[in-house]
Amino acid sequence: MHATLAAARAGATTGEWAGTLREVFGEFRAPTGVSGAVGVAEAGAELTTVRERVKATGDELGGGRLRVLVGKPGLDGHSNGAEQVAVRARDAGFEVIYQGIRLTPEQIVAAAVAEDVHLVGLSILSGSHMELVPDVLEGLRAAGLGDVPVIVGGIIPTSDAKALQEQGVAAVYTPKDFGLTEIMGGFVDVIRKAHGLD
């Protein structure tokens, strides 16, 4: 605390303070709640159909499971929606990469590159979607992944959703889109379209 108070009195910013602490202690990532989730033991007809489409699309793209990165950029601390999407994606047969909340656009792009994903899904409830989503899109393009589709979910006004789609976002989901299995079908549609399979 003494060093923190001295830094504040000297005019250090919160970002400088936090950056120094990260350099010394590292960055803590709490458990996400996704790996321990039980998921769906028996699928109904709708989920079974989506599972079959996920598998067929993976086979058409050269085998292996379709990989989806669920990213939670910004300072939004609400992870429940993103985790529900991640669990349902896993239940639908996707390989899911989810690294928790409060990620930077750079961390999301790095994960997309490292995991060679077929789709990036961003969950943003903080109202910062018009700043964060373009940063992720730009980062993916710079990394040579401009063809990887990006979808966005969150509290997003219709006018912003349209603007995001004009910038290259493949789909936008809002709280009115609560059918998780239907959303998984949308994931498959977006991946197929991106690879010219339809």
N, C-alpha and C. Protein backbone atom coordinates (compact mmCIF):
# COMPACT_ATOMS: atom_id res chain seq x y z
N MET A 1 0.81 -1.19 0.00
CA MET A 1 0.00 0.00 0.00
C MET A 1 0.86 1.26 0.00
N HIS A 2 1.97 1.24 0.71
CA HIS A 2 2.81 2.44 0.77
C HIS A 2 3.28 2.84 -0.63
N ALA A 3 3.71 1.84 -1.43
CA ALA A 3 4.18 2.13 -2.78
C ALA A 3 3.02 2.63 -3.66
N THR A 4 1.83 2.07 -3.47
CA THR A 4 0.66 2.51 -4.23
C THR A 4 0.32 3.96 -3.92
N LEU A 5 0.33 4.31 -2.64
CA LEU A 5 0.03 5.69 -2.25
C LEU A 5 1.10 6.65 -2.79
N ALA A 6 2.34 6.24 -2.73
CA ALA A 6 3.42 7.10 -3.25
C ALA A 6 3.25 7.30 -4.76
N ALA A 7 2.89 6.24 -5.46
CA ALA A 7 2.69 6.33 -6.91
C ALA A 7 1.53 7.28 -7.23
N ALA A 8 0.44 7.17 -6.46
CA ALA A 8 -0.72 8.04 -6.69
C ALA A 8 -0.35 9.50 -6.44
N ARG A 9 0.37 9.74 -5.38
CA ARG A 9 0.79 11.12 -5.05
C ARG A 9 1.74 11.69 -6.11
N ALA A 10 2.49 10.81 -6.76
CA ALA A 10 3.44 11.25 -7.80
C ALA A 10 2.75 11.43 -9.16
N GLY A 11 1.44 11.09 -9.22
CA GLY A 11 0.69 11.29 -10.46
C GLY A 11 0.61 10.07 -11.36
N ALA A 12 0.97 8.89 -10.86
CA ALA A 12 0.86 7.68 -11.68
C ALA A 12 -0.61 7.42 -12.00
N THR A 13 -0.88 6.93 -13.20
CA THR A 13 -2.25 6.61 -13.59
C THR A 13 -2.62 5.22 -13.07
N THR A 14 -3.90 4.94 -13.08
CA THR A 14 -4.36 3.61 -12.68
C THR A 14 -3.79 2.55 -13.62
N GLY A 15 -3.72 2.87 -14.91
CA GLY A 15 -3.16 1.93 -15.88
C GLY A 15 -1.70 1.63 -15.62
N GLU A 16 -0.93 2.66 -15.27
CA GLU A 16 0.49 2.46 -14.97
C GLU A 16 0.63 1.61 -13.71
N TRP A 17 -0.17 1.91 -12.71
CA TRP A 17 -0.15 1.16 -11.45
C TRP A 17 -0.49 -0.31 -11.70
N ALA A 18 -1.59 -0.55 -12.44
CA ALA A 18 -2.02 -1.93 -12.70
C ALA A 18 -0.99 -2.67 -13.56
N GLY A 19 -0.40 -1.96 -14.54
CA GLY A 19 0.61 -2.59 -15.39
C GLY A 19 1.82 -3.04 -14.60
N THR A 20 2.25 -2.21 -13.65
CA THR A 20 3.40 -2.57 -12.81
C THR A 20 3.08 -3.79 -11.95
N LEU A 21 1.89 -3.82 -11.37
CA LEU A 21 1.49 -4.98 -10.56
C LEU A 21 1.45 -6.25 -11.41
N ARG A 22 0.94 -6.14 -12.65
CA ARG A 22 0.90 -7.30 -13.53
C ARG A 22 2.31 -7.80 -13.85
N GLU A 23 3.24 -6.86 -14.07
CA GLU A 23 4.62 -7.26 -14.37
C GLU A 23 5.24 -8.02 -13.22
N VAL A 24 4.93 -7.61 -12.00
CA VAL A 24 5.52 -8.24 -10.82
C VAL A 24 4.81 -9.54 -10.46
N PHE A 25 3.46 -9.52 -10.44
CA PHE A 25 2.71 -10.66 -9.91
C PHE A 25 2.03 -11.52 -10.97
N GLY A 26 2.01 -11.06 -12.23
CA GLY A 26 1.26 -11.79 -13.25
C GLY A 26 -0.19 -11.39 -13.22
N GLU A 27 -0.97 -12.02 -14.10
CA GLU A 27 -2.40 -11.69 -14.19
C GLU A 27 -3.23 -12.89 -13.79
N PHE A 28 -4.09 -12.74 -12.81
CA PHE A 28 -4.93 -13.82 -12.32
C PHE A 28 -6.12 -14.02 -13.25
N ARG A 29 -6.39 -15.24 -13.60
CA ARG A 29 -7.59 -15.59 -14.35
C ARG A 29 -8.39 -16.57 -13.50
N ALA A 30 -9.54 -16.14 -13.04
CA ALA A 30 -10.38 -17.01 -12.23
C ALA A 30 -10.93 -18.15 -13.07
N PRO A 31 -11.28 -19.27 -12.44
CA PRO A 31 -11.91 -20.36 -13.20
C PRO A 31 -13.15 -19.85 -13.91
N THR A 32 -13.38 -20.34 -15.12
CA THR A 32 -14.49 -19.80 -15.92
C THR A 32 -15.84 -20.40 -15.59
N GLY A 33 -15.88 -21.59 -15.02
CA GLY A 33 -17.17 -22.22 -14.78
C GLY A 33 -17.63 -23.03 -15.97
N VAL A 34 -16.86 -23.05 -17.05
CA VAL A 34 -17.27 -23.78 -18.24
C VAL A 34 -16.81 -25.22 -18.18
N SER A 35 -15.57 -25.47 -17.78
CA SER A 35 -15.03 -26.83 -17.83
C SER A 35 -15.76 -27.77 -16.89
N GLY A 36 -16.25 -27.27 -15.78
CA GLY A 36 -16.92 -28.14 -14.83
C GLY A 36 -18.40 -28.30 -15.07
N ALA A 37 -18.94 -27.60 -16.05
CA ALA A 37 -20.37 -27.67 -16.30
C ALA A 37 -20.73 -29.04 -16.85
N VAL A 38 -21.90 -29.51 -16.48
CA VAL A 38 -22.33 -30.85 -16.86
C VAL A 38 -22.75 -30.90 -18.31
N GLY A 39 -23.49 -29.91 -18.77
CA GLY A 39 -23.95 -29.91 -20.16
C GLY A 39 -25.16 -30.79 -20.36
N VAL A 40 -25.45 -31.12 -21.59
CA VAL A 40 -26.65 -31.88 -21.94
C VAL A 40 -26.28 -33.34 -22.14
N ALA A 41 -26.87 -34.20 -21.34
CA ALA A 41 -26.58 -35.63 -21.46
C ALA A 41 -27.29 -36.21 -22.68
N GLU A 42 -28.57 -35.89 -22.83
CA GLU A 42 -29.33 -36.37 -23.97
C GLU A 42 -29.83 -35.19 -24.76
N ALA A 43 -29.61 -35.23 -26.04
CA ALA A 43 -30.03 -34.12 -26.89
C ALA A 43 -31.42 -34.38 -27.44
N GLY A 44 -32.19 -33.30 -27.53
CA GLY A 44 -33.47 -33.39 -28.21
C GLY A 44 -33.22 -33.34 -29.71
N ALA A 45 -34.31 -33.36 -30.48
CA ALA A 45 -34.20 -33.40 -31.94
C ALA A 45 -33.48 -32.17 -32.48
N GLU A 46 -33.76 -30.98 -31.93
CA GLU A 46 -33.16 -29.76 -32.45
C GLU A 46 -31.64 -29.76 -32.25
N LEU A 47 -31.19 -30.12 -31.03
CA LEU A 47 -29.76 -30.14 -30.76
C LEU A 47 -29.06 -31.25 -31.55
N THR A 48 -29.74 -32.38 -31.72
CA THR A 48 -29.17 -33.47 -32.51
C THR A 48 -28.93 -33.02 -33.94
N THR A 49 -29.88 -32.28 -34.50
CA THR A 49 -29.73 -31.76 -35.86
C THR A 49 -28.53 -30.83 -35.96
N VAL A 50 -28.37 -29.94 -34.97
CA VAL A 50 -27.24 -29.02 -34.97
C VAL A 50 -25.93 -29.80 -34.84
N ARG A 51 -25.90 -30.79 -33.96
CA ARG A 51 -24.69 -31.62 -33.81
C ARG A 51 -24.29 -32.26 -35.13
N GLU A 52 -25.27 -32.77 -35.86
CA GLU A 52 -25.00 -33.41 -37.14
C GLU A 52 -24.43 -32.40 -38.14
N ARG A 53 -24.96 -31.18 -38.12
CA ARG A 53 -24.47 -30.13 -39.03
C ARG A 53 -23.05 -29.70 -38.64
N VAL A 54 -22.77 -29.62 -37.33
CA VAL A 54 -21.43 -29.27 -36.86
C VAL A 54 -20.43 -30.32 -37.35
N LYS A 55 -20.78 -31.59 -37.17
CA LYS A 55 -19.88 -32.67 -37.58
C LYS A 55 -19.70 -32.69 -39.10
N ALA A 56 -20.80 -32.56 -39.84
CA ALA A 56 -20.72 -32.59 -41.30
C ALA A 56 -19.88 -31.43 -41.83
N THR A 57 -20.05 -30.25 -41.24
CA THR A 57 -19.28 -29.09 -41.68
C THR A 57 -17.80 -29.27 -41.37
N GLY A 58 -17.50 -29.80 -40.18
CA GLY A 58 -16.11 -30.10 -39.84
C GLY A 58 -15.49 -31.08 -40.82
N ASP A 59 -16.27 -32.09 -41.20
CA ASP A 59 -15.78 -33.08 -42.17
C ASP A 59 -15.53 -32.42 -43.53
N GLU A 60 -16.44 -31.55 -43.95
CA GLU A 60 -16.29 -30.87 -45.24
C GLU A 60 -15.06 -29.96 -45.26
N LEU A 61 -14.69 -29.44 -44.10
CA LEU A 61 -13.54 -28.55 -44.01
C LEU A 61 -12.23 -29.29 -43.75
N GLY A 62 -12.27 -30.60 -43.88
CA GLY A 62 -11.03 -31.36 -43.75
C GLY A 62 -10.92 -32.19 -42.51
N GLY A 63 -12.02 -32.41 -41.85
CA GLY A 63 -12.00 -33.24 -40.65
C GLY A 63 -11.73 -32.44 -39.40
N GLY A 64 -11.91 -33.06 -38.30
CA GLY A 64 -11.72 -32.37 -37.03
C GLY A 64 -12.95 -31.57 -36.64
N ARG A 65 -12.97 -31.19 -35.40
CA ARG A 65 -14.11 -30.44 -34.88
C ARG A 65 -14.00 -28.97 -35.23
N LEU A 66 -15.13 -28.33 -35.39
CA LEU A 66 -15.16 -26.89 -35.59
C LEU A 66 -14.78 -26.22 -34.28
N ARG A 67 -13.88 -25.25 -34.35
CA ARG A 67 -13.39 -24.56 -33.16
C ARG A 67 -13.96 -23.15 -33.07
N VAL A 68 -14.55 -22.87 -31.91
CA VAL A 68 -15.17 -21.57 -31.65
C VAL A 68 -14.48 -20.92 -30.45
N LEU A 69 -14.07 -19.67 -30.64
CA LEU A 69 -13.51 -18.89 -29.54
C LEU A 69 -14.60 -17.97 -29.01
N VAL A 70 -14.92 -18.11 -27.73
CA VAL A 70 -15.87 -17.21 -27.08
C VAL A 70 -15.04 -16.21 -26.29
N GLY A 71 -15.04 -14.96 -26.73
CA GLY A 71 -14.23 -13.92 -26.11
C GLY A 71 -15.08 -12.92 -25.35
N LYS A 72 -14.56 -12.46 -24.23
CA LYS A 72 -15.28 -11.51 -23.38
C LYS A 72 -14.38 -10.29 -23.18
N PRO A 73 -14.37 -9.35 -24.15
CA PRO A 73 -13.48 -8.20 -24.04
C PRO A 73 -14.04 -7.10 -23.15
N GLY A 74 -13.16 -6.24 -22.70
CA GLY A 74 -13.58 -5.08 -21.92
C GLY A 74 -13.67 -5.37 -20.44
N LEU A 75 -14.24 -4.41 -19.73
CA LEU A 75 -14.29 -4.49 -18.27
C LEU A 75 -15.59 -5.07 -17.73
N ASP A 76 -16.46 -5.52 -18.60
CA ASP A 76 -17.72 -6.12 -18.19
C ASP A 76 -17.45 -7.35 -17.33
N GLY A 77 -18.02 -7.39 -16.16
CA GLY A 77 -17.78 -8.51 -15.25
C GLY A 77 -18.82 -9.60 -15.28
N HIS A 78 -19.79 -9.51 -16.17
CA HIS A 78 -20.88 -10.49 -16.21
C HIS A 78 -20.55 -11.59 -17.21
N SER A 79 -20.28 -12.78 -16.72
CA SER A 79 -19.83 -13.87 -17.59
C SER A 79 -20.91 -14.92 -17.85
N ASN A 80 -22.06 -14.83 -17.20
CA ASN A 80 -23.05 -15.89 -17.28
C ASN A 80 -23.49 -16.17 -18.71
N GLY A 81 -23.81 -15.14 -19.48
CA GLY A 81 -24.26 -15.34 -20.85
C GLY A 81 -23.20 -15.99 -21.72
N ALA A 82 -21.98 -15.50 -21.62
CA ALA A 82 -20.88 -16.07 -22.42
C ALA A 82 -20.66 -17.53 -22.04
N GLU A 83 -20.75 -17.83 -20.75
CA GLU A 83 -20.53 -19.21 -20.31
C GLU A 83 -21.67 -20.12 -20.76
N GLN A 84 -22.89 -19.61 -20.77
CA GLN A 84 -24.01 -20.42 -21.28
C GLN A 84 -23.82 -20.72 -22.76
N VAL A 85 -23.38 -19.73 -23.52
CA VAL A 85 -23.11 -19.93 -24.94
C VAL A 85 -21.98 -20.93 -25.12
N ALA A 86 -20.92 -20.80 -24.34
CA ALA A 86 -19.78 -21.72 -24.45
C ALA A 86 -20.20 -23.16 -24.15
N VAL A 87 -21.00 -23.35 -23.11
CA VAL A 87 -21.44 -24.70 -22.75
C VAL A 87 -22.35 -25.28 -23.84
N ARG A 88 -23.27 -24.46 -24.35
CA ARG A 88 -24.17 -24.97 -25.40
C ARG A 88 -23.38 -25.27 -26.68
N ALA A 89 -22.37 -24.46 -26.98
CA ALA A 89 -21.54 -24.74 -28.16
C ALA A 89 -20.83 -26.08 -27.99
N ARG A 90 -20.32 -26.32 -26.79
CA ARG A 90 -19.68 -27.62 -26.53
C ARG A 90 -20.68 -28.75 -26.68
N ASP A 91 -21.89 -28.54 -26.14
CA ASP A 91 -22.94 -29.57 -26.25
C ASP A 91 -23.33 -29.83 -27.70
N ALA A 92 -23.18 -28.79 -28.55
CA ALA A 92 -23.53 -28.92 -29.96
C ALA A 92 -22.41 -29.56 -30.78
N GLY A 93 -21.28 -29.85 -30.14
CA GLY A 93 -20.21 -30.55 -30.83
C GLY A 93 -19.03 -29.68 -31.23
N PHE A 94 -19.09 -28.39 -30.93
CA PHE A 94 -17.96 -27.52 -31.22
C PHE A 94 -16.84 -27.77 -30.20
N GLU A 95 -15.60 -27.54 -30.62
CA GLU A 95 -14.51 -27.42 -29.66
C GLU A 95 -14.53 -25.96 -29.24
N VAL A 96 -14.61 -25.70 -27.94
CA VAL A 96 -14.79 -24.34 -27.44
C VAL A 96 -13.53 -23.86 -26.73
N ILE A 97 -13.11 -22.67 -27.09
CA ILE A 97 -12.00 -22.00 -26.41
C ILE A 97 -12.61 -20.82 -25.68
N TYR A 98 -12.53 -20.83 -24.36
CA TYR A 98 -13.08 -19.74 -23.53
C TYR A 98 -12.08 -19.48 -22.42
N GLN A 99 -11.57 -18.25 -22.37
CA GLN A 99 -10.51 -17.94 -21.42
C GLN A 99 -10.93 -16.98 -20.33
N GLY A 100 -12.21 -16.80 -20.14
CA GLY A 100 -12.67 -15.95 -19.06
C GLY A 100 -13.00 -14.54 -19.50
N ILE A 101 -13.12 -13.65 -18.53
CA ILE A 101 -13.61 -12.30 -18.78
C ILE A 101 -12.47 -11.28 -18.76
N ARG A 102 -12.82 -10.08 -19.15
CA ARG A 102 -11.93 -8.91 -19.14
C ARG A 102 -10.68 -9.11 -19.99
N LEU A 103 -10.88 -9.65 -21.17
CA LEU A 103 -9.77 -9.83 -22.10
C LEU A 103 -9.60 -8.59 -22.96
N THR A 104 -8.39 -8.36 -23.40
CA THR A 104 -8.15 -7.27 -24.33
C THR A 104 -8.39 -7.79 -25.75
N PRO A 105 -8.65 -6.91 -26.70
CA PRO A 105 -8.75 -7.37 -28.09
C PRO A 105 -7.50 -8.12 -28.53
N GLU A 106 -6.34 -7.69 -28.08
CA GLU A 106 -5.09 -8.35 -28.44
C GLU A 106 -5.04 -9.80 -27.91
N GLN A 107 -5.54 -10.01 -26.71
CA GLN A 107 -5.56 -11.36 -26.15
C GLN A 107 -6.52 -12.26 -26.94
N ILE A 108 -7.64 -11.69 -27.36
CA ILE A 108 -8.61 -12.47 -28.14
C ILE A 108 -8.02 -12.84 -29.49
N VAL A 109 -7.38 -11.90 -30.15
CA VAL A 109 -6.75 -12.17 -31.45
C VAL A 109 -5.65 -13.22 -31.28
N ALA A 110 -4.84 -13.10 -30.25
CA ALA A 110 -3.77 -14.08 -30.02
C ALA A 110 -4.35 -15.48 -29.82
N ALA A 111 -5.46 -15.58 -29.09
CA ALA A 111 -6.09 -16.89 -28.89
C ALA A 111 -6.66 -17.43 -30.20
N ALA A 112 -7.23 -16.57 -31.01
CA ALA A 112 -7.78 -17.00 -32.30
C ALA A 112 -6.67 -17.55 -33.20
N VAL A 113 -5.52 -16.89 -33.18
CA VAL A 113 -4.38 -17.34 -33.97
C VAL A 113 -3.86 -18.67 -33.42
N ALA A 114 -3.65 -18.73 -32.12
CA ALA A 114 -3.07 -19.93 -31.50
C ALA A 114 -3.96 -21.16 -31.66
N GLU A 115 -5.26 -20.95 -31.61
CA GLU A 115 -6.20 -22.08 -31.65
C GLU A 115 -6.73 -22.37 -33.05
N ASP A 116 -6.37 -21.55 -34.04
CA ASP A 116 -6.80 -21.75 -35.42
C ASP A 116 -8.32 -21.96 -35.49
N VAL A 117 -9.05 -20.97 -35.00
CA VAL A 117 -10.50 -21.10 -34.85
C VAL A 117 -11.25 -20.88 -36.16
N HIS A 118 -12.47 -21.41 -36.20
CA HIS A 118 -13.36 -21.23 -37.34
C HIS A 118 -14.31 -20.05 -37.14
N LEU A 119 -14.47 -19.61 -35.89
CA LEU A 119 -15.42 -18.54 -35.56
C LEU A 119 -14.98 -17.87 -34.27
N VAL A 120 -15.11 -16.54 -34.22
CA VAL A 120 -14.88 -15.79 -32.99
C VAL A 120 -16.21 -15.21 -32.56
N GLY A 121 -16.61 -15.51 -31.35
CA GLY A 121 -17.84 -14.95 -30.77
C GLY A 121 -17.46 -14.01 -29.64
N LEU A 122 -17.95 -12.78 -29.70
CA LEU A 122 -17.65 -11.79 -28.66
C LEU A 122 -18.91 -11.50 -27.86
N SER A 123 -18.78 -11.51 -26.55
CA SER A 123 -19.87 -11.18 -25.65
C SER A 123 -19.54 -9.87 -24.95
N ILE A 124 -20.38 -8.85 -25.20
CA ILE A 124 -20.12 -7.53 -24.63
C ILE A 124 -21.41 -6.95 -24.07
N LEU A 125 -21.43 -6.74 -22.76
CA LEU A 125 -22.59 -6.16 -22.11
C LEU A 125 -22.31 -4.77 -21.56
N SER A 126 -21.09 -4.28 -21.73
CA SER A 126 -20.66 -3.03 -21.10
C SER A 126 -21.00 -1.79 -21.90
N GLY A 127 -21.51 -1.95 -23.11
CA GLY A 127 -21.79 -0.80 -23.94
C GLY A 127 -20.59 -0.34 -24.75
N SER A 128 -19.49 -1.06 -24.67
CA SER A 128 -18.26 -0.65 -25.37
C SER A 128 -18.06 -1.41 -26.69
N HIS A 129 -19.14 -1.97 -27.22
CA HIS A 129 -19.03 -2.78 -28.44
C HIS A 129 -18.53 -1.99 -29.64
N MET A 130 -18.87 -0.70 -29.74
CA MET A 130 -18.44 0.08 -30.90
C MET A 130 -16.95 0.42 -30.86
N GLU A 131 -16.33 0.25 -29.71
CA GLU A 131 -14.88 0.44 -29.59
C GLU A 131 -14.14 -0.89 -29.68
N LEU A 132 -14.63 -1.89 -28.97
CA LEU A 132 -13.90 -3.15 -28.85
C LEU A 132 -14.01 -4.05 -30.08
N VAL A 133 -15.20 -4.13 -30.66
CA VAL A 133 -15.37 -5.03 -31.81
C VAL A 133 -14.49 -4.60 -32.99
N PRO A 134 -14.47 -3.31 -33.37
CA PRO A 134 -13.56 -2.92 -34.46
C PRO A 134 -12.09 -3.23 -34.16
N ASP A 135 -11.70 -3.11 -32.90
CA ASP A 135 -10.32 -3.45 -32.54
C ASP A 135 -10.03 -4.93 -32.78
N VAL A 136 -11.00 -5.80 -32.44
CA VAL A 136 -10.81 -7.23 -32.68
C VAL A 136 -10.78 -7.51 -34.18
N LEU A 137 -11.70 -6.91 -34.93
CA LEU A 137 -11.73 -7.10 -36.38
C LEU A 137 -10.40 -6.68 -37.02
N GLU A 138 -9.92 -5.52 -36.62
CA GLU A 138 -8.66 -5.01 -37.15
C GLU A 138 -7.49 -5.93 -36.78
N GLY A 139 -7.49 -6.41 -35.54
CA GLY A 139 -6.43 -7.31 -35.09
C GLY A 139 -6.44 -8.62 -35.85
N LEU A 140 -7.63 -9.16 -36.12
CA LEU A 140 -7.73 -10.40 -36.89
C LEU A 140 -7.21 -10.19 -38.31
N ARG A 141 -7.58 -9.07 -38.92
CA ARG A 141 -7.09 -8.78 -40.28
C ARG A 141 -5.56 -8.67 -40.29
N ALA A 142 -5.02 -7.96 -39.31
CA ALA A 142 -3.56 -7.77 -39.23
C ALA A 142 -2.84 -9.10 -39.02
N ALA A 143 -3.51 -10.05 -38.36
CA ALA A 143 -2.91 -11.36 -38.09
C ALA A 143 -3.15 -12.34 -39.24
N GLY A 144 -3.79 -11.89 -40.31
CA GLY A 144 -4.06 -12.76 -41.44
C GLY A 144 -5.30 -13.61 -41.28
N LEU A 145 -6.16 -13.23 -40.33
CA LEU A 145 -7.38 -14.00 -40.08
C LEU A 145 -8.64 -13.18 -40.42
N GLY A 146 -8.51 -12.32 -41.40
CA GLY A 146 -9.65 -11.50 -41.80
C GLY A 146 -10.83 -12.29 -42.33
N ASP A 147 -10.57 -13.55 -42.73
CA ASP A 147 -11.65 -14.39 -43.24
C ASP A 147 -12.37 -15.18 -42.14
N VAL A 148 -11.89 -15.11 -40.91
CA VAL A 148 -12.55 -15.80 -39.80
C VAL A 148 -13.76 -14.96 -39.38
N PRO A 149 -14.96 -15.54 -39.45
CA PRO A 149 -16.13 -14.75 -39.11
C PRO A 149 -16.19 -14.40 -37.62
N VAL A 150 -16.73 -13.21 -37.35
CA VAL A 150 -16.91 -12.73 -35.99
C VAL A 150 -18.39 -12.48 -35.77
N ILE A 151 -18.90 -13.00 -34.66
CA ILE A 151 -20.27 -12.69 -34.26
C ILE A 151 -20.20 -11.97 -32.92
N VAL A 152 -21.23 -11.20 -32.62
CA VAL A 152 -21.25 -10.42 -31.39
C VAL A 152 -22.57 -10.63 -30.69
N GLY A 153 -22.51 -10.81 -29.37
CA GLY A 153 -23.71 -10.92 -28.56
C GLY A 153 -23.65 -9.92 -27.43
N GLY A 154 -24.79 -9.37 -27.07
CA GLY A 154 -24.82 -8.43 -25.96
C GLY A 154 -25.98 -7.46 -26.07
N ILE A 155 -25.93 -6.44 -25.26
CA ILE A 155 -26.96 -5.41 -25.27
C ILE A 155 -26.54 -4.38 -26.31
N ILE A 156 -27.04 -4.56 -27.51
CA ILE A 156 -26.58 -3.77 -28.66
C ILE A 156 -27.79 -3.18 -29.37
N PRO A 157 -27.89 -1.87 -29.44
CA PRO A 157 -29.00 -1.24 -30.16
C PRO A 157 -29.00 -1.63 -31.64
N THR A 158 -30.16 -1.62 -32.24
CA THR A 158 -30.30 -2.01 -33.65
C THR A 158 -29.39 -1.20 -34.56
N SER A 159 -29.29 0.10 -34.33
CA SER A 159 -28.44 0.93 -35.18
C SER A 159 -26.97 0.53 -35.06
N ASP A 160 -26.54 0.19 -33.84
CA ASP A 160 -25.15 -0.26 -33.65
C ASP A 160 -24.93 -1.63 -34.29
N ALA A 161 -25.94 -2.50 -34.18
CA ALA A 161 -25.82 -3.83 -34.81
C ALA A 161 -25.61 -3.68 -36.30
N LYS A 162 -26.37 -2.78 -36.92
CA LYS A 162 -26.22 -2.55 -38.36
C LYS A 162 -24.83 -2.02 -38.68
N ALA A 163 -24.35 -1.08 -37.88
CA ALA A 163 -23.00 -0.51 -38.10
C ALA A 163 -21.93 -1.58 -37.95
N LEU A 164 -22.08 -2.47 -36.97
CA LEU A 164 -21.09 -3.54 -36.78
C LEU A 164 -21.09 -4.49 -37.97
N GLN A 165 -22.27 -4.80 -38.47
CA GLN A 165 -22.35 -5.70 -39.62
C GLN A 165 -21.73 -5.03 -40.86
N GLU A 166 -21.89 -3.73 -40.99
CA GLU A 166 -21.27 -3.02 -42.10
C GLU A 166 -19.74 -3.05 -42.00
N GLN A 167 -19.23 -3.18 -40.77
CA GLN A 167 -17.78 -3.26 -40.57
C GLN A 167 -17.23 -4.67 -40.74
N GLY A 168 -18.13 -5.66 -40.89
CA GLY A 168 -17.67 -7.02 -41.15
C GLY A 168 -18.15 -8.07 -40.17
N VAL A 169 -18.92 -7.69 -39.14
CA VAL A 169 -19.45 -8.67 -38.20
C VAL A 169 -20.50 -9.53 -38.93
N ALA A 170 -20.41 -10.85 -38.78
CA ALA A 170 -21.28 -11.76 -39.51
C ALA A 170 -22.69 -11.84 -38.94
N ALA A 171 -22.83 -11.69 -37.62
CA ALA A 171 -24.15 -11.75 -36.99
C ALA A 171 -24.09 -11.07 -35.63
N VAL A 172 -25.23 -10.54 -35.21
CA VAL A 172 -25.35 -9.90 -33.90
C VAL A 172 -26.54 -10.52 -33.18
N TYR A 173 -26.29 -10.95 -31.94
CA TYR A 173 -27.34 -11.53 -31.10
C TYR A 173 -27.56 -10.62 -29.90
N THR A 174 -28.82 -10.40 -29.56
CA THR A 174 -29.17 -9.56 -28.41
C THR A 174 -30.02 -10.39 -27.45
N PRO A 175 -30.40 -9.84 -26.30
CA PRO A 175 -31.18 -10.63 -25.34
C PRO A 175 -32.48 -11.21 -25.91
N LYS A 176 -32.99 -10.64 -26.98
CA LYS A 176 -34.20 -11.23 -27.58
C LYS A 176 -33.90 -12.55 -28.28
N ASP A 177 -32.63 -12.80 -28.55
CA ASP A 177 -32.20 -14.06 -29.16
C ASP A 177 -31.75 -15.01 -28.05
N PHE A 178 -32.70 -15.64 -27.41
CA PHE A 178 -32.36 -16.45 -26.23
C PHE A 178 -32.36 -17.95 -26.51
N GLY A 179 -32.69 -18.37 -27.71
CA GLY A 179 -32.68 -19.80 -28.05
C GLY A 179 -31.27 -20.26 -28.34
N LEU A 180 -30.60 -20.83 -27.34
CA LEU A 180 -29.18 -21.18 -27.49
C LEU A 180 -28.93 -22.20 -28.60
N THR A 181 -29.81 -23.17 -28.74
CA THR A 181 -29.60 -24.17 -29.79
C THR A 181 -29.77 -23.53 -31.16
N GLU A 182 -30.72 -22.63 -31.28
CA GLU A 182 -30.91 -21.90 -32.54
C GLU A 182 -29.68 -21.05 -32.86
N ILE A 183 -29.10 -20.44 -31.84
CA ILE A 183 -27.88 -19.65 -32.03
C ILE A 183 -26.75 -20.56 -32.52
N MET A 184 -26.66 -21.78 -31.99
CA MET A 184 -25.62 -22.71 -32.44
C MET A 184 -25.80 -23.04 -33.92
N GLY A 185 -27.06 -23.18 -34.35
CA GLY A 185 -27.32 -23.38 -35.77
C GLY A 185 -26.85 -22.18 -36.58
N GLY A 186 -27.01 -20.98 -36.01
CA GLY A 186 -26.52 -19.77 -36.66
C GLY A 186 -25.00 -19.78 -36.76
N PHE A 187 -24.32 -20.29 -35.75
CA PHE A 187 -22.86 -20.41 -35.81
C PHE A 187 -22.46 -21.25 -37.03
N VAL A 188 -23.14 -22.39 -37.20
CA VAL A 188 -22.82 -23.27 -38.33
C VAL A 188 -23.08 -22.54 -39.64
N ASP A 189 -24.20 -21.83 -39.73
CA ASP A 189 -24.52 -21.09 -40.96
C ASP A 189 -23.42 -20.10 -41.31
N VAL A 190 -22.94 -19.37 -40.30
CA VAL A 190 -21.91 -18.34 -40.51
C VAL A 190 -20.60 -18.99 -40.97
N ILE A 191 -20.23 -20.10 -40.35
CA ILE A 191 -18.99 -20.80 -40.74
C ILE A 191 -19.11 -21.32 -42.17
N ARG A 192 -20.25 -21.91 -42.49
CA ARG A 192 -20.44 -22.45 -43.84
C ARG A 192 -20.37 -21.34 -44.89
N LYS A 193 -21.00 -20.22 -44.58
CA LYS A 193 -20.98 -19.09 -45.53
C LYS A 193 -19.56 -18.57 -45.71
N ALA A 194 -18.81 -18.48 -44.62
CA ALA A 194 -17.43 -17.97 -44.70
C ALA A 194 -16.54 -18.86 -45.55
N HIS A 195 -16.88 -20.15 -45.63
CA HIS A 195 -16.06 -21.10 -46.40
C HIS A 195 -16.70 -21.46 -47.73
N GLY A 196 -17.76 -20.75 -48.10
CA GLY A 196 -18.41 -20.99 -49.39
C GLY A 196 -19.05 -22.35 -49.51
N LEU A 197 -19.58 -22.87 -48.40
CA LEU A 197 -20.16 -24.20 -48.42
C LEU A 197 -21.66 -24.18 -48.71
N ASP A 198 -22.26 -23.02 -48.80
CA ASP A 198 -23.70 -22.97 -49.10
C ASP A 198 -23.94 -22.45 -50.50
